[in-house]
Amino acid sequence: MNMTAIAIVAIACWAVVELVNGPKNRKKSKSSQEPDQATLDLQQQVEAMRERIETLEKIVTDEKYDLHRQFDDLKKDKVA
């Protein structure tokens, strides 16, 4: 392999590493460290959704829910 090919491969590898690791290694500015209003709104929405999911999980895992669903399935089969 000649030196030109080695140099081209080295530069290409360096560019790929910079593209992959570049944003992680850069220091964040002061303004980007503080969450903006959109981020806070999204965090509140995620928390509200998490609470709703927990409630739904409690309902679905309840034995009575499963029993009612089985009765409904039997009713549907009887009509059909």
PDB file of N, CA and C in Angstrom:
ATOM      1  N   MET A   1       0.847  -1.174   0.000  1.00  0.00           N
ATOM      2  CA  MET A   1       0.000   0.000   0.000  1.00  0.00           C
ATOM      3  C   MET A   1       0.893   1.237   0.000  1.00  0.00           C
ATOM      4  N   ASN A   2       0.531   2.177  -0.810  1.00  0.00           N
ATOM      5  CA  ASN A   2       1.365   3.373  -0.838  1.00  0.00           C
ATOM      6  C   ASN A   2       0.917   4.370   0.233  1.00  0.00           C
ATOM      7  N   MET A   3       1.697   5.388   0.440  1.00  0.00           N
ATOM      8  CA  MET A   3       1.460   6.358   1.512  1.00  0.00           C
ATOM      9  C   MET A   3       0.184   7.172   1.276  1.00  0.00           C
ATOM     10  N   THR A   4      -0.156   7.416   0.042  1.00  0.00           N
ATOM     11  CA  THR A   4      -1.363   8.188  -0.252  1.00  0.00           C
ATOM     12  C   THR A   4      -2.610   7.417   0.199  1.00  0.00           C
ATOM     13  N   ALA A   5      -2.645   6.138  -0.079  1.00  0.00           N
ATOM     14  CA  ALA A   5      -3.786   5.326   0.323  1.00  0.00           C
ATOM     15  C   ALA A   5      -3.890   5.257   1.841  1.00  0.00           C
ATOM     16  N   ILE A   6      -2.768   5.144   2.521  1.00  0.00           N
ATOM     17  CA  ILE A   6      -2.762   5.101   3.987  1.00  0.00           C
ATOM     18  C   ILE A   6      -3.300   6.420   4.542  1.00  0.00           C
ATOM     19  N   ALA A   7      -2.866   7.523   3.954  1.00  0.00           N
ATOM     20  CA  ALA A   7      -3.320   8.839   4.411  1.00  0.00           C
ATOM     21  C   ALA A   7      -4.826   8.994   4.189  1.00  0.00           C
ATOM     22  N   ILE A   8      -5.330   8.555   3.054  1.00  0.00           N
ATOM     23  CA  ILE A   8      -6.756   8.673   2.757  1.00  0.00           C
ATOM     24  C   ILE A   8      -7.573   7.826   3.734  1.00  0.00           C
ATOM     25  N   VAL A   9      -7.132   6.615   4.016  1.00  0.00           N
ATOM     26  CA  VAL A   9      -7.838   5.747   4.957  1.00  0.00           C
ATOM     27  C   VAL A   9      -7.813   6.356   6.354  1.00  0.00           C
ATOM     28  N   ALA A  10      -6.680   6.904   6.753  1.00  0.00           N
ATOM     29  CA  ALA A  10      -6.561   7.509   8.081  1.00  0.00           C
ATOM     30  C   ALA A  10      -7.500   8.707   8.211  1.00  0.00           C
ATOM     31  N   ILE A  11      -7.558   9.549   7.193  1.00  0.00           N
ATOM     32  CA  ILE A  11      -8.433  10.721   7.237  1.00  0.00           C
ATOM     33  C   ILE A  11      -9.898  10.293   7.252  1.00  0.00           C
ATOM     34  N   ALA A  12     -10.245   9.277   6.475  1.00  0.00           N
ATOM     35  CA  ALA A  12     -11.621   8.790   6.447  1.00  0.00           C
ATOM     36  C   ALA A  12     -12.020   8.230   7.813  1.00  0.00           C
ATOM     37  N   CYS A  13     -11.130   7.469   8.437  1.00  0.00           N
ATOM     38  CA  CYS A  13     -11.416   6.912   9.763  1.00  0.00           C
ATOM     39  C   CYS A  13     -11.563   8.024  10.797  1.00  0.00           C
ATOM     40  N   TRP A  14     -10.702   9.021  10.720  1.00  0.00           N
ATOM     41  CA  TRP A  14     -10.776  10.145  11.641  1.00  0.00           C
ATOM     42  C   TRP A  14     -12.109  10.881  11.474  1.00  0.00           C
ATOM     43  N   ALA A  15     -12.549  11.077  10.238  1.00  0.00           N
ATOM     44  CA  ALA A  15     -13.808  11.773   9.979  1.00  0.00           C
ATOM     45  C   ALA A  15     -14.988  10.993  10.551  1.00  0.00           C
ATOM     46  N   VAL A  16     -14.975   9.684  10.384  1.00  0.00           N
ATOM     47  CA  VAL A  16     -16.061   8.859  10.907  1.00  0.00           C
ATOM     48  C   VAL A  16     -16.092   8.936  12.428  1.00  0.00           C
ATOM     49  N   VAL A  17     -14.940   8.863  13.063  1.00  0.00           N
ATOM     50  CA  VAL A  17     -14.876   8.944  14.529  1.00  0.00           C
ATOM     51  C   VAL A  17     -15.379  10.298  15.002  1.00  0.00           C
ATOM     52  N   GLU A  18     -15.010  11.368  14.324  1.00  0.00           N
ATOM     53  CA  GLU A  18     -15.468  12.701  14.699  1.00  0.00           C
ATOM     54  C   GLU A  18     -16.978  12.839  14.530  1.00  0.00           C
ATOM     55  N   LEU A  19     -17.529  12.262  13.490  1.00  0.00           N
ATOM     56  CA  LEU A  19     -18.973  12.339  13.277  1.00  0.00           C
ATOM     57  C   LEU A  19     -19.733  11.570  14.343  1.00  0.00           C
ATOM     58  N   VAL A  20     -19.196  10.435  14.729  1.00  0.00           N
ATOM     59  CA  VAL A  20     -19.884   9.611  15.726  1.00  0.00           C
ATOM     60  C   VAL A  20     -19.721  10.199  17.122  1.00  0.00           C
ATOM     61  N   ASN A  21     -18.539  10.596  17.502  1.00  0.00           N
ATOM     62  CA  ASN A  21     -18.263  11.049  18.865  1.00  0.00           C
ATOM     63  C   ASN A  21     -18.247  12.557  19.031  1.00  0.00           C
ATOM     64  N   GLY A  22     -18.321  13.293  17.979  1.00  0.00           N
ATOM     65  CA  GLY A  22     -18.192  14.734  18.033  1.00  0.00           C
ATOM     66  C   GLY A  22     -19.113  15.425  19.009  1.00  0.00           C
ATOM     67  N   PRO A  23     -20.441  15.284  18.862  1.00  0.00           N
ATOM     68  CA  PRO A  23     -21.335  16.016  19.758  1.00  0.00           C
ATOM     69  C   PRO A  23     -21.205  15.607  21.224  1.00  0.00           C
ATOM     70  N   LYS A  24     -20.819  14.402  21.497  1.00  0.00           N
ATOM     71  CA  LYS A  24     -20.685  13.941  22.881  1.00  0.00           C
ATOM     72  C   LYS A  24     -19.496  14.598  23.574  1.00  0.00           C
ATOM     73  N   ASN A  25     -18.426  14.792  22.840  1.00  0.00           N
ATOM     74  CA  ASN A  25     -17.196  15.290  23.448  1.00  0.00           C
ATOM     75  C   ASN A  25     -17.158  16.806  23.568  1.00  0.00           C
ATOM     76  N   ARG A  26     -18.009  17.503  22.880  1.00  0.00           N
ATOM     77  CA  ARG A  26     -18.020  18.959  22.932  1.00  0.00           C
ATOM     78  C   ARG A  26     -18.647  19.422  24.244  1.00  0.00           C
ATOM     79  N   LYS A  27     -18.111  20.491  24.792  1.00  0.00           N
ATOM     80  CA  LYS A  27     -18.680  21.034  26.017  1.00  0.00           C
ATOM     81  C   LYS A  27     -19.966  21.769  25.674  1.00  0.00           C
ATOM     82  N   LYS A  28     -20.984  21.562  26.500  1.00  0.00           N
ATOM     83  CA  LYS A  28     -22.258  22.217  26.274  1.00  0.00           C
ATOM     84  C   LYS A  28     -22.197  23.638  26.809  1.00  0.00           C
ATOM     85  N   SER A  29     -22.892  24.509  26.127  1.00  0.00           N
ATOM     86  CA  SER A  29     -22.943  25.889  26.594  1.00  0.00           C
ATOM     87  C   SER A  29     -23.895  25.989  27.772  1.00  0.00           C
ATOM     88  N   LYS A  30     -23.814  27.085  28.488  1.00  0.00           N
ATOM     89  CA  LYS A  30     -24.628  27.283  29.685  1.00  0.00           C
ATOM     90  C   LYS A  30     -26.117  27.220  29.362  1.00  0.00           C
ATOM     91  N   SER A  31     -26.519  27.815  28.238  1.00  0.00           N
ATOM     92  CA  SER A  31     -27.940  27.852  27.912  1.00  0.00           C
ATOM     93  C   SER A  31     -28.480  26.479  27.531  1.00  0.00           C
ATOM     94  N   SER A  32     -27.661  25.613  26.956  1.00  0.00           N
ATOM     95  CA  SER A  32     -28.152  24.307  26.557  1.00  0.00           C
ATOM     96  C   SER A  32     -28.262  23.347  27.737  1.00  0.00           C
ATOM     97  N   GLN A  33     -27.632  23.671  28.870  1.00  0.00           N
ATOM     98  CA  GLN A  33     -27.723  22.801  30.036  1.00  0.00           C
ATOM     99  C   GLN A  33     -29.035  22.996  30.776  1.00  0.00           C
ATOM    100  N   GLU A  34     -29.622  24.174  30.678  1.00  0.00           N
ATOM    101  CA  GLU A  34     -30.879  24.443  31.357  1.00  0.00           C
ATOM    102  C   GLU A  34     -32.025  23.972  30.475  1.00  0.00           C
ATOM    103  N   PRO A  35     -32.947  23.193  31.025  1.00  0.00           N
ATOM    104  CA  PRO A  35     -34.060  22.713  30.199  1.00  0.00           C
ATOM    105  C   PRO A  35     -34.980  23.863  29.799  1.00  0.00           C
ATOM    106  N   ASP A  36     -35.395  23.877  28.557  1.00  0.00           N
ATOM    107  CA  ASP A  36     -36.296  24.920  28.106  1.00  0.00           C
ATOM    108  C   ASP A  36     -37.744  24.518  28.399  1.00  0.00           C
ATOM    109  N   GLN A  37     -38.670  25.394  28.084  1.00  0.00           N
ATOM    110  CA  GLN A  37     -40.073  25.163  28.410  1.00  0.00           C
ATOM    111  C   GLN A  37     -40.628  23.940  27.688  1.00  0.00           C
ATOM    112  N   ALA A  38     -40.212  23.712  26.446  1.00  0.00           N
ATOM    113  CA  ALA A  38     -40.704  22.554  25.696  1.00  0.00           C
ATOM    114  C   ALA A  38     -40.272  21.257  26.372  1.00  0.00           C
ATOM    115  N   THR A  39     -39.044  21.212  26.867  1.00  0.00           N
ATOM    116  CA  THR A  39     -38.552  20.020  27.554  1.00  0.00           C
ATOM    117  C   THR A  39     -39.329  19.779  28.845  1.00  0.00           C
ATOM    118  N   LEU A  40     -39.607  20.843  29.577  1.00  0.00           N
ATOM    119  CA  LEU A  40     -40.370  20.712  30.814  1.00  0.00           C
ATOM    120  C   LEU A  40     -41.792  20.224  30.526  1.00  0.00           C
ATOM    121  N   ASP A  41     -42.407  20.751  29.458  1.00  0.00           N
ATOM    122  CA  ASP A  41     -43.751  20.303  29.083  1.00  0.00           C
ATOM    123  C   ASP A  41     -43.744  18.826  28.717  1.00  0.00           C
ATOM    124  N   LEU A  42     -42.742  18.396  27.969  1.00  0.00           N
ATOM    125  CA  LEU A  42     -42.653  16.992  27.582  1.00  0.00           C
ATOM    126  C   LEU A  42     -42.445  16.098  28.799  1.00  0.00           C
ATOM    127  N   GLN A  43     -41.646  16.549  29.751  1.00  0.00           N
ATOM    128  CA  GLN A  43     -41.430  15.762  30.963  1.00  0.00           C
ATOM    129  C   GLN A  43     -42.728  15.613  31.751  1.00  0.00           C
ATOM    130  N   GLN A  44     -43.533  16.690  31.800  1.00  0.00           N
ATOM    131  CA  GLN A  44     -44.814  16.619  32.495  1.00  0.00           C
ATOM    132  C   GLN A  44     -45.769  15.666  31.778  1.00  0.00           C
ATOM    133  N   GLN A  45     -45.770  15.716  30.453  1.00  0.00           N
ATOM    134  CA  GLN A  45     -46.632  14.809  29.695  1.00  0.00           C
ATOM    135  C   GLN A  45     -46.231  13.356  29.902  1.00  0.00           C
ATOM    136  N   VAL A  46     -44.930  13.094  29.926  1.00  0.00           N
ATOM    137  CA  VAL A  46     -44.457  11.726  30.149  1.00  0.00           C
ATOM    138  C   VAL A  46     -44.864  11.245  31.535  1.00  0.00           C
ATOM    139  N   GLU A  47     -44.760  12.096  32.530  1.00  0.00           N
ATOM    140  CA  GLU A  47     -45.142  11.709  33.887  1.00  0.00           C
ATOM    141  C   GLU A  47     -46.640  11.425  33.961  1.00  0.00           C
ATOM    142  N   ALA A  48     -47.454  12.248  33.300  1.00  0.00           N
ATOM    143  CA  ALA A  48     -48.899  12.019  33.292  1.00  0.00           C
ATOM    144  C   ALA A  48     -49.231  10.709  32.589  1.00  0.00           C
ATOM    145  N   MET A  49     -48.558  10.435  31.483  1.00  0.00           N
ATOM    146  CA  MET A  49     -48.788   9.188  30.754  1.00  0.00           C
ATOM    147  C   MET A  49     -48.355   7.989  31.583  1.00  0.00           C
ATOM    148  N   ARG A  50     -47.263   8.126  32.314  1.00  0.00           N
ATOM    149  CA  ARG A  50     -46.781   7.039  33.167  1.00  0.00           C
ATOM    150  C   ARG A  50     -47.834   6.702  34.229  1.00  0.00           C
ATOM    151  N   GLU A  51     -48.436   7.730  34.825  1.00  0.00           N
ATOM    152  CA  GLU A  51     -49.468   7.496  35.836  1.00  0.00           C
ATOM    153  C   GLU A  51     -50.689   6.806  35.221  1.00  0.00           C
ATOM    154  N   ARG A  52     -51.073   7.234  34.016  1.00  0.00           N
ATOM    155  CA  ARG A  52     -52.224   6.614  33.349  1.00  0.00           C
ATOM    156  C   ARG A  52     -51.937   5.148  33.017  1.00  0.00           C
ATOM    157  N   ILE A  53     -50.723   4.864  32.579  1.00  0.00           N
ATOM    158  CA  ILE A  53     -50.354   3.482  32.249  1.00  0.00           C
ATOM    159  C   ILE A  53     -50.387   2.614  33.503  1.00  0.00           C
ATOM    160  N   GLU A  54     -49.889   3.155  34.620  1.00  0.00           N
ATOM    161  CA  GLU A  54     -49.922   2.393  35.866  1.00  0.00           C
ATOM    162  C   GLU A  54     -51.360   2.070  36.261  1.00  0.00           C
ATOM    163  N   THR A  55     -52.264   3.035  36.089  1.00  0.00           N
ATOM    164  CA  THR A  55     -53.673   2.806  36.402  1.00  0.00           C
ATOM    165  C   THR A  55     -54.259   1.733  35.494  1.00  0.00           C
ATOM    166  N   LEU A  56     -53.970   1.818  34.203  1.00  0.00           N
ATOM    167  CA  LEU A  56     -54.469   0.813  33.262  1.00  0.00           C
ATOM    168  C   LEU A  56     -53.907  -0.572  33.572  1.00  0.00           C
ATOM    169  N   GLU A  57     -52.645  -0.641  33.977  1.00  0.00           N
ATOM    170  CA  GLU A  57     -52.056  -1.931  34.332  1.00  0.00           C
ATOM    171  C   GLU A  57     -52.776  -2.539  35.535  1.00  0.00           C
ATOM    172  N   LYS A  58     -53.122  -1.694  36.506  1.00  0.00           N
ATOM    173  CA  LYS A  58     -53.848  -2.197  37.672  1.00  0.00           C
ATOM    174  C   LYS A  58     -55.211  -2.737  37.265  1.00  0.00           C
ATOM    175  N   ILE A  59     -55.890  -2.039  36.362  1.00  0.00           N
ATOM    176  CA  ILE A  59     -57.212  -2.481  35.921  1.00  0.00           C
ATOM    177  C   ILE A  59     -57.118  -3.799  35.168  1.00  0.00           C
ATOM    178  N   VAL A  60     -56.182  -3.875  34.247  1.00  0.00           N
ATOM    179  CA  VAL A  60     -56.082  -5.058  33.389  1.00  0.00           C
ATOM    180  C   VAL A  60     -55.617  -6.278  34.171  1.00  0.00           C
ATOM    181  N   THR A  61     -54.779  -6.094  35.157  1.00  0.00           N
ATOM    182  CA  THR A  61     -54.282  -7.240  35.922  1.00  0.00           C
ATOM    183  C   THR A  61     -55.241  -7.647  37.045  1.00  0.00           C
ATOM    184  N   ASP A  62     -56.305  -6.893  37.234  1.00  0.00           N
ATOM    185  CA  ASP A  62     -57.296  -7.227  38.250  1.00  0.00           C
ATOM    186  C   ASP A  62     -58.044  -8.488  37.826  1.00  0.00           C
ATOM    187  N   GLU A  63     -58.294  -9.389  38.777  1.00  0.00           N
ATOM    188  CA  GLU A  63     -58.969 -10.654  38.478  1.00  0.00           C
ATOM    189  C   GLU A  63     -60.397 -10.422  37.998  1.00  0.00           C
ATOM    190  N   LYS A  64     -61.080  -9.438  38.550  1.00  0.00           N
ATOM    191  CA  LYS A  64     -62.466  -9.169  38.164  1.00  0.00           C
ATOM    192  C   LYS A  64     -62.537  -8.722  36.701  1.00  0.00           C
ATOM    193  N   TYR A  65     -61.556  -7.944  36.274  1.00  0.00           N
ATOM    194  CA  TYR A  65     -61.538  -7.498  34.878  1.00  0.00           C
ATOM    195  C   TYR A  65     -61.461  -8.704  33.955  1.00  0.00           C
ATOM    196  N   ASP A  66     -60.593  -9.635  34.267  1.00  0.00           N
ATOM    197  CA  ASP A  66     -60.439 -10.826  33.442  1.00  0.00           C
ATOM    198  C   ASP A  66     -61.722 -11.653  33.451  1.00  0.00           C
ATOM    199  N   LEU A  67     -62.365 -11.759  34.600  1.00  0.00           N
ATOM    200  CA  LEU A  67     -63.603 -12.517  34.709  1.00  0.00           C
ATOM    201  C   LEU A  67     -64.706 -11.866  33.873  1.00  0.00           C
ATOM    202  N   HIS A  68     -64.821 -10.542  33.943  1.00  0.00           N
ATOM    203  CA  HIS A  68     -65.828  -9.843  33.149  1.00  0.00           C
ATOM    204  C   HIS A  68     -65.547 -10.005  31.655  1.00  0.00           C
ATOM    205  N   ARG A  69     -64.309  -9.990  31.277  1.00  0.00           N
ATOM    206  CA  ARG A  69     -63.959 -10.162  29.874  1.00  0.00           C
ATOM    207  C   ARG A  69     -64.334 -11.557  29.400  1.00  0.00           C
ATOM    208  N   GLN A  70     -64.124 -12.546  30.245  1.00  0.00           N
ATOM    209  CA  GLN A  70     -64.494 -13.913  29.880  1.00  0.00           C
ATOM    210  C   GLN A  70     -66.011 -14.059  29.752  1.00  0.00           C
ATOM    211  N   PHE A  71     -66.759 -13.409  30.650  1.00  0.00           N
ATOM    212  CA  PHE A  71     -68.218 -13.435  30.529  1.00  0.00           C
ATOM    213  C   PHE A  71     -68.670 -12.770  29.233  1.00  0.00           C
ATOM    214  N   ASP A  72     -68.074 -11.640  28.908  1.00  0.00           N
ATOM    215  CA  ASP A  72     -68.420 -10.955  27.663  1.00  0.00           C
ATOM    216  C   ASP A  72     -68.123 -11.826  26.456  1.00  0.00           C
ATOM    217  N   ASP A  73     -66.994 -12.523  26.481  1.00  0.00           N
ATOM    218  CA  ASP A  73     -66.649 -13.429  25.373  1.00  0.00           C
ATOM    219  C   ASP A  73     -67.670 -14.549  25.258  1.00  0.00           C
ATOM    220  N   LEU A  74     -68.103 -15.090  26.397  1.00  0.00           N
ATOM    221  CA  LEU A  74     -69.117 -16.157  26.372  1.00  0.00           C
ATOM    222  C   LEU A  74     -70.442 -15.639  25.815  1.00  0.00           C
ATOM    223  N   LYS A  75     -70.834 -14.431  26.192  1.00  0.00           N
ATOM    224  CA  LYS A  75     -72.068 -13.844  25.676  1.00  0.00           C
ATOM    225  C   LYS A  75     -71.999 -13.676  24.156  1.00  0.00           C
ATOM    226  N   LYS A  76     -70.873 -13.234  23.678  1.00  0.00           N
ATOM    227  CA  LYS A  76     -70.700 -13.041  22.236  1.00  0.00           C
ATOM    228  C   LYS A  76     -70.777 -14.382  21.501  1.00  0.00           C
ATOM    229  N   ASP A  77     -70.187 -15.412  22.075  1.00  0.00           N
ATOM    230  CA  ASP A  77     -70.218 -16.734  21.447  1.00  0.00           C
ATOM    231  C   ASP A  77     -71.641 -17.307  21.448  1.00  0.00           C
ATOM    232  N   LYS A  78     -72.414 -17.023  22.493  1.00  0.00           N
ATOM    233  CA  LYS A  78     -73.781 -17.546  22.607  1.00  0.00           C
ATOM    234  C   LYS A  78     -74.696 -16.907  21.571  1.00  0.00           C
ATOM    235  N   VAL A  79     -74.498 -15.608  21.333  1.00  0.00           N
ATOM    236  CA  VAL A  79     -75.306 -14.884  20.353  1.00  0.00           C
ATOM    237  C   VAL A  79     -74.957 -15.324  18.960  1.00  0.00           C
ATOM    238  N   ALA A  80     -73.704 -15.546  18.703  1.00  0.00           N
ATOM    239  CA  ALA A  80     -73.254 -15.912  17.348  1.00  0.00           C
ATOM    240  C   ALA A  80     -73.552 -17.328  17.071  1.00  0.00           C
TER     241      ALA A  80
END
